[in-house]
Amino acid sequence: MTWAADPKAVLWCVTFTRDIAPEEVLARYGADLQCARVMSQREAEDLASASYQRGAEGSVLRAGSLPGWSFCFEEFGVLGVMPETLSQLSRDTEALCVLRGGDGTHRFEHWKEGRCAEAFEPGFVSTRPDPPHPWWDTVEEQRAAAGPAYVGLAPVVQAVADYTGAVLDDDTVRGQLLSVLLEEPWASGPPQSPSHPQDSGLPTDEPVRPDAADAGRIPATGKFYASGVQQDPAGDGPRRGCGRPG
C-alpha cells in the first residue's frame, strides 16, 4: 500500500462501504452510471484534467470491489469525506473514509446507518473523540508500530485493512476501475439523511444539507477544509466535527 505513504501525493480521498456493489457506491455519490466506464488511473487523470481546463469543478470517482466491501478512490477530490456522501454510503450499512487533505488536514471517519460513529484527525489529540473511541485507539497503535519514519496515512489504511479483511493494494488503485466524472454533486437534489446537526451548527431538528452554512460543505476541487473539521470562529484552529459515537 505504498500509495497511502507517498509523500508526493497532494490530495486523495478513499471510502470503503460494506456489502454494496461499486455501481451502487457511485450512485450513492450522486453519479450518473450511464456516464461511467472502466478506465486506468492515467485515463482518469486525463478526464479530470479536461474537466479542469473547461473551468468545471468536479471529481473523478474510481470504484472497485474488495471481498465483502466496495471502495471509491478520488485523487484531487474530496466528495467522499462530505457528510452528505457518507450519510448515503452508510445507509443500511457502514462506511469508512480516509482523507489526505491538500492543506495538511488529514481525516478518518466511520459511519454506520447514516450517522457518524467516530471521526478525527490521525495523530492530533485535540481531535480525539469522546470515549469510547476504538478507531482512534487502533490507529494510534498502528502509528506507534510504524515508528518515527514518514509513513503518511499508511497506518490508517492498514487499520482499515485489518478491520475489513481486505487490502487496497497499489495494483488495484492504479489499475482498471469503473470511473465517472461527477461535476455537479447532487444535481437532482441533496440527500436528506440526517447526520449530527448538533456538530454542524444547525438546529437539532434539521438535517445536514450541502447548502447549509458551515455544515462541512466542500467543493469537489478541495478548496476548503475537510468535512467535520470546522474552523473555530475565535481563530484557534480546527475543532471536532462528528466525533461522538452515534
Protein backbone atom coordinates (compact mmCIF):
# COMPACT_ATOMS: atom_id res chain seq x y z
CA MET A 1 0.00 0.00 0.00
CA THR A 2 2.73 2.46 -0.95
CA TRP A 3 0.09 4.78 -2.43
CA ALA A 4 -1.00 5.62 1.14
CA ALA A 5 2.54 6.61 2.15
CA ASP A 6 3.55 8.51 -0.99
CA PRO A 7 4.88 11.92 0.16
CA LYS A 8 4.36 13.30 -3.34
CA ALA A 9 0.61 12.72 -3.20
CA VAL A 10 -1.11 16.07 -2.71
CA LEU A 11 -4.74 15.17 -2.12
CA TRP A 12 -6.80 12.00 -2.16
CA CYS A 13 -9.85 10.53 -0.52
CA VAL A 14 -10.95 6.91 -0.33
CA THR A 15 -14.13 5.37 1.06
CA PHE A 16 -14.94 1.75 1.88
CA THR A 17 -18.56 0.57 2.05
CA ARG A 18 -19.70 -2.83 3.25
CA ASP A 19 -21.85 -5.18 1.15
CA ILE A 20 -22.79 -2.97 -1.78
CA ALA A 21 -21.55 -3.11 -5.38
CA PRO A 22 -19.27 -0.49 -6.97
CA GLU A 23 -22.14 0.66 -9.18
CA GLU A 24 -24.27 1.32 -6.10
CA VAL A 25 -21.37 3.19 -4.50
CA LEU A 26 -21.16 5.57 -7.46
CA ALA A 27 -24.93 6.02 -7.43
CA ARG A 28 -24.84 6.96 -3.76
CA TYR A 29 -22.22 9.59 -4.54
CA GLY A 30 -24.78 11.01 -6.97
CA ALA A 31 -23.07 9.93 -10.20
CA ASP A 32 -24.84 9.08 -13.46
CA LEU A 33 -23.98 5.44 -14.09
CA GLN A 34 -24.68 5.86 -17.81
CA CYS A 35 -21.54 8.00 -17.94
CA ALA A 36 -19.36 5.51 -16.07
CA ARG A 37 -16.80 3.35 -17.84
CA VAL A 38 -13.80 1.25 -16.92
CA MET A 39 -10.54 3.15 -17.22
CA SER A 40 -6.99 3.23 -15.92
CA GLN A 41 -5.59 5.72 -13.43
CA ARG A 42 -3.92 7.63 -16.27
CA GLU A 43 -7.18 7.85 -18.21
CA ALA A 44 -8.95 9.08 -15.08
CA GLU A 45 -6.29 11.75 -14.62
CA ASP A 46 -6.80 12.88 -18.23
CA LEU A 47 -10.55 13.07 -17.63
CA ALA A 48 -10.04 15.21 -14.55
CA SER A 49 -7.59 17.44 -16.38
CA ALA A 50 -10.01 18.01 -19.24
CA SER A 51 -12.72 18.99 -16.75
CA TYR A 52 -10.38 21.43 -15.04
CA GLN A 53 -9.40 23.02 -18.35
CA ARG A 54 -13.09 23.60 -19.08
CA GLY A 55 -13.30 25.52 -15.82
CA ALA A 56 -15.63 22.98 -14.24
CA GLU A 57 -15.45 21.89 -10.62
CA GLY A 58 -15.62 18.15 -10.38
CA SER A 59 -14.13 14.94 -9.13
CA VAL A 60 -13.31 11.66 -10.86
CA LEU A 61 -14.68 8.75 -8.86
CA ARG A 62 -12.99 5.35 -9.31
CA ALA A 63 -14.84 2.44 -7.74
CA GLY A 64 -13.96 -1.22 -7.34
CA SER A 65 -14.58 -4.33 -5.27
CA LEU A 66 -12.80 -5.93 -2.34
CA PRO A 67 -14.00 -9.07 -0.53
CA GLY A 68 -17.21 -8.01 1.21
CA TRP A 69 -16.61 -4.31 0.52
CA SER A 70 -16.51 -1.76 -2.27
CA PHE A 71 -14.20 1.25 -2.38
CA CYS A 72 -14.19 4.58 -4.16
CA PHE A 73 -10.93 6.44 -4.73
CA GLU A 74 -10.65 10.12 -5.61
CA GLU A 75 -7.37 11.76 -6.50
CA PHE A 76 -7.59 15.55 -6.11
CA GLY A 77 -11.15 15.12 -4.86
CA VAL A 78 -12.90 15.21 -1.51
CA LEU A 79 -16.52 14.30 -2.18
CA GLY A 80 -16.06 11.11 -0.17
CA VAL A 81 -15.49 12.94 3.11
CA MET A 82 -18.57 15.16 2.80
CA PRO A 83 -21.23 14.26 5.38
CA GLU A 84 -23.88 14.07 2.68
CA THR A 85 -21.87 11.40 0.86
CA LEU A 86 -21.03 9.38 3.95
CA SER A 87 -24.62 9.50 5.13
CA GLN A 88 -25.72 7.99 1.81
CA LEU A 89 -22.90 5.45 1.61
CA SER A 90 -23.62 4.15 5.11
CA ARG A 91 -27.39 3.89 4.64
CA ASP A 92 -28.37 0.40 5.89
CA THR A 93 -24.67 -0.49 6.15
CA GLU A 94 -21.39 1.09 7.26
CA ALA A 95 -18.72 3.17 5.55
CA LEU A 96 -15.15 4.22 6.30
CA CYS A 97 -13.34 7.24 4.90
CA VAL A 98 -9.67 8.25 4.82
CA LEU A 99 -8.72 11.70 3.55
CA ARG A 100 -5.30 13.10 2.75
CA GLY A 101 -6.05 16.81 2.70
CA GLY A 102 -4.26 19.17 0.37
CA ASP A 103 -3.88 21.67 3.21
CA GLY A 104 -2.30 19.11 5.54
CA THR A 105 -5.58 18.29 7.29
CA HIS A 106 -5.99 14.50 7.23
CA ARG A 107 -9.16 12.79 8.33
CA PHE A 108 -10.66 9.43 9.26
CA GLU A 109 -14.40 8.85 9.64
CA HIS A 110 -16.53 5.80 10.45
CA TRP A 111 -20.26 5.97 9.65
CA LYS A 112 -23.00 3.47 10.44
CA GLU A 113 -26.65 3.56 9.38
CA GLY A 114 -26.40 7.10 8.05
CA ARG A 115 -24.72 8.57 11.13
CA CYS A 116 -21.17 9.36 12.11
CA ALA A 117 -19.85 6.97 14.75
CA GLU A 118 -16.27 8.26 15.05
CA ALA A 119 -14.17 10.93 13.32
CA PHE A 120 -10.80 12.52 13.96
CA GLU A 121 -7.53 13.75 12.51
CA PRO A 122 -4.97 10.96 12.96
CA GLY A 123 -2.27 11.93 15.41
CA PHE A 124 -3.95 15.12 16.65
CA VAL A 125 -5.00 14.55 20.25
CA SER A 126 -7.18 17.67 20.20
CA THR A 127 -9.49 15.89 17.73
CA ARG A 128 -9.75 12.64 19.71
CA PRO A 129 -13.44 11.77 20.13
CA ASP A 130 -15.10 11.25 23.47
CA PRO A 131 -14.75 7.65 24.64
CA PRO A 132 -15.25 5.00 23.58
CA HIS A 133 -13.05 5.66 20.56
CA PRO A 134 -11.97 2.23 19.22
CA TRP A 135 -10.80 3.58 15.87
CA TRP A 136 -8.63 6.23 17.49
CA ASP A 137 -7.04 3.57 19.67
CA THR A 138 -6.45 1.23 16.73
CA VAL A 139 -4.96 3.94 14.51
CA GLU A 140 -2.66 5.15 17.29
CA GLU A 141 -1.43 1.59 17.80
CA GLN A 142 -0.65 1.33 14.09
CA ARG A 143 1.10 4.70 14.12
CA ALA A 144 3.23 3.68 17.10
CA ALA A 145 4.16 0.38 15.45
CA ALA A 146 5.21 2.21 12.27
CA GLY A 147 7.89 4.18 14.12
CA PRO A 148 9.13 7.72 13.52
CA ALA A 149 9.85 7.33 9.78
CA TYR A 150 7.43 9.05 7.41
CA VAL A 151 4.63 6.63 6.62
CA GLY A 152 1.89 9.03 5.55
CA LEU A 153 -1.55 7.62 6.14
CA ALA A 154 -0.41 4.01 5.71
CA PRO A 155 -1.13 3.18 9.39
CA VAL A 156 -4.71 4.41 8.96
CA VAL A 157 -5.20 2.43 5.76
CA GLN A 158 -3.67 -0.61 7.47
CA ALA A 159 -6.16 -0.27 10.33
CA VAL A 160 -8.94 -0.23 7.73
CA ALA A 161 -7.48 -3.32 6.03
CA ASP A 162 -7.35 -5.17 9.36
CA TYR A 163 -10.98 -4.28 10.04
CA THR A 164 -12.33 -5.14 6.58
CA GLY A 165 -10.08 -8.11 5.96
CA ALA A 166 -9.32 -6.72 2.50
CA VAL A 167 -6.28 -4.83 1.23
CA LEU A 168 -6.47 -1.99 -1.29
CA ASP A 169 -3.10 -2.56 -2.92
CA ASP A 170 -1.13 -0.46 -5.38
CA ASP A 171 -2.06 -2.52 -8.42
CA THR A 172 -5.76 -2.11 -7.68
CA VAL A 173 -5.55 1.64 -7.12
CA ARG A 174 -3.58 2.14 -10.35
CA GLY A 175 -5.45 -0.43 -12.40
CA GLN A 176 -8.67 -0.54 -14.41
CA LEU A 177 -11.65 0.67 -12.34
CA LEU A 178 -15.22 1.76 -13.01
CA SER A 179 -14.84 5.54 -13.23
CA VAL A 180 -17.02 8.58 -13.73
CA LEU A 181 -16.61 12.35 -13.62
CA LEU A 182 -19.02 13.98 -11.18
CA GLU A 183 -19.10 17.69 -11.95
CA GLU A 184 -22.31 18.69 -10.18
CA PRO A 185 -22.83 16.70 -6.98
CA TRP A 186 -26.49 16.06 -6.15
CA ALA A 187 -27.72 17.93 -9.21
CA SER A 188 -31.17 16.39 -8.74
CA GLY A 189 -31.32 17.44 -5.09
CA PRO A 190 -29.23 16.80 -1.98
CA PRO A 191 -29.56 13.62 0.06
CA GLN A 192 -31.81 14.19 3.05
CA SER A 193 -30.39 11.70 5.55
CA PRO A 194 -29.59 13.35 8.91
CA SER A 195 -26.05 13.47 10.23
CA HIS A 196 -25.01 15.08 13.50
CA PRO A 197 -26.72 18.50 13.31
CA GLN A 198 -25.51 19.42 16.78
CA ASP A 199 -21.96 19.35 15.38
CA SER A 200 -22.71 21.33 12.25
CA GLY A 201 -24.15 24.49 13.78
CA LEU A 202 -27.66 23.68 12.56
CA PRO A 203 -30.76 23.42 14.76
CA THR A 204 -31.01 19.91 16.15
CA ASP A 205 -34.26 19.19 14.29
CA GLU A 206 -32.77 19.99 10.89
CA PRO A 207 -30.84 17.53 8.67
CA VAL A 208 -27.43 18.42 7.33
CA ARG A 209 -27.71 19.66 3.74
CA PRO A 210 -24.98 20.63 1.29
CA ASP A 211 -26.27 24.21 1.03
CA ALA A 212 -26.24 24.76 4.80
CA ALA A 213 -23.71 27.29 6.04
CA ASP A 214 -20.76 25.81 7.94
CA ALA A 215 -22.11 22.28 7.54
CA GLY A 216 -18.85 20.86 6.30
CA ARG A 217 -19.57 21.56 2.64
CA ILE A 218 -16.61 21.08 0.31
CA PRO A 219 -16.32 21.89 -3.39
CA ALA A 220 -15.05 18.92 -5.37
CA THR A 221 -11.77 20.72 -6.02
CA GLY A 222 -10.97 20.61 -2.31
CA LYS A 223 -10.55 24.36 -1.88
CA PHE A 224 -11.94 24.27 1.63
CA TYR A 225 -11.26 22.20 4.72
CA ALA A 226 -12.48 18.66 5.23
CA SER A 227 -15.92 17.56 6.40
CA GLY A 228 -16.42 17.92 10.11
CA VAL A 229 -13.24 19.99 10.61
CA GLN A 230 -14.76 23.42 11.14
CA GLN A 231 -12.67 26.49 11.74
CA ASP A 232 -13.00 27.96 15.19
CA PRO A 233 -14.53 31.45 14.91
CA ALA A 234 -12.03 32.64 17.52
CA GLY A 235 -9.22 31.68 15.21
CA ASP A 236 -7.87 28.90 17.41
CA GLY A 237 -7.73 26.36 14.61
CA PRO A 238 -9.92 23.41 13.75
CA ARG A 239 -12.46 21.90 16.09
CA ARG A 240 -14.01 18.46 16.02
CA GLY A 241 -16.92 17.67 13.78
CA CYS A 242 -18.83 14.46 14.38
CA GLY A 243 -16.69 12.70 16.93
CA ARG A 244 -19.29 11.29 19.28
CA PRO A 245 -20.38 7.69 18.74
CA GLY A 246 -23.92 7.59 17.42
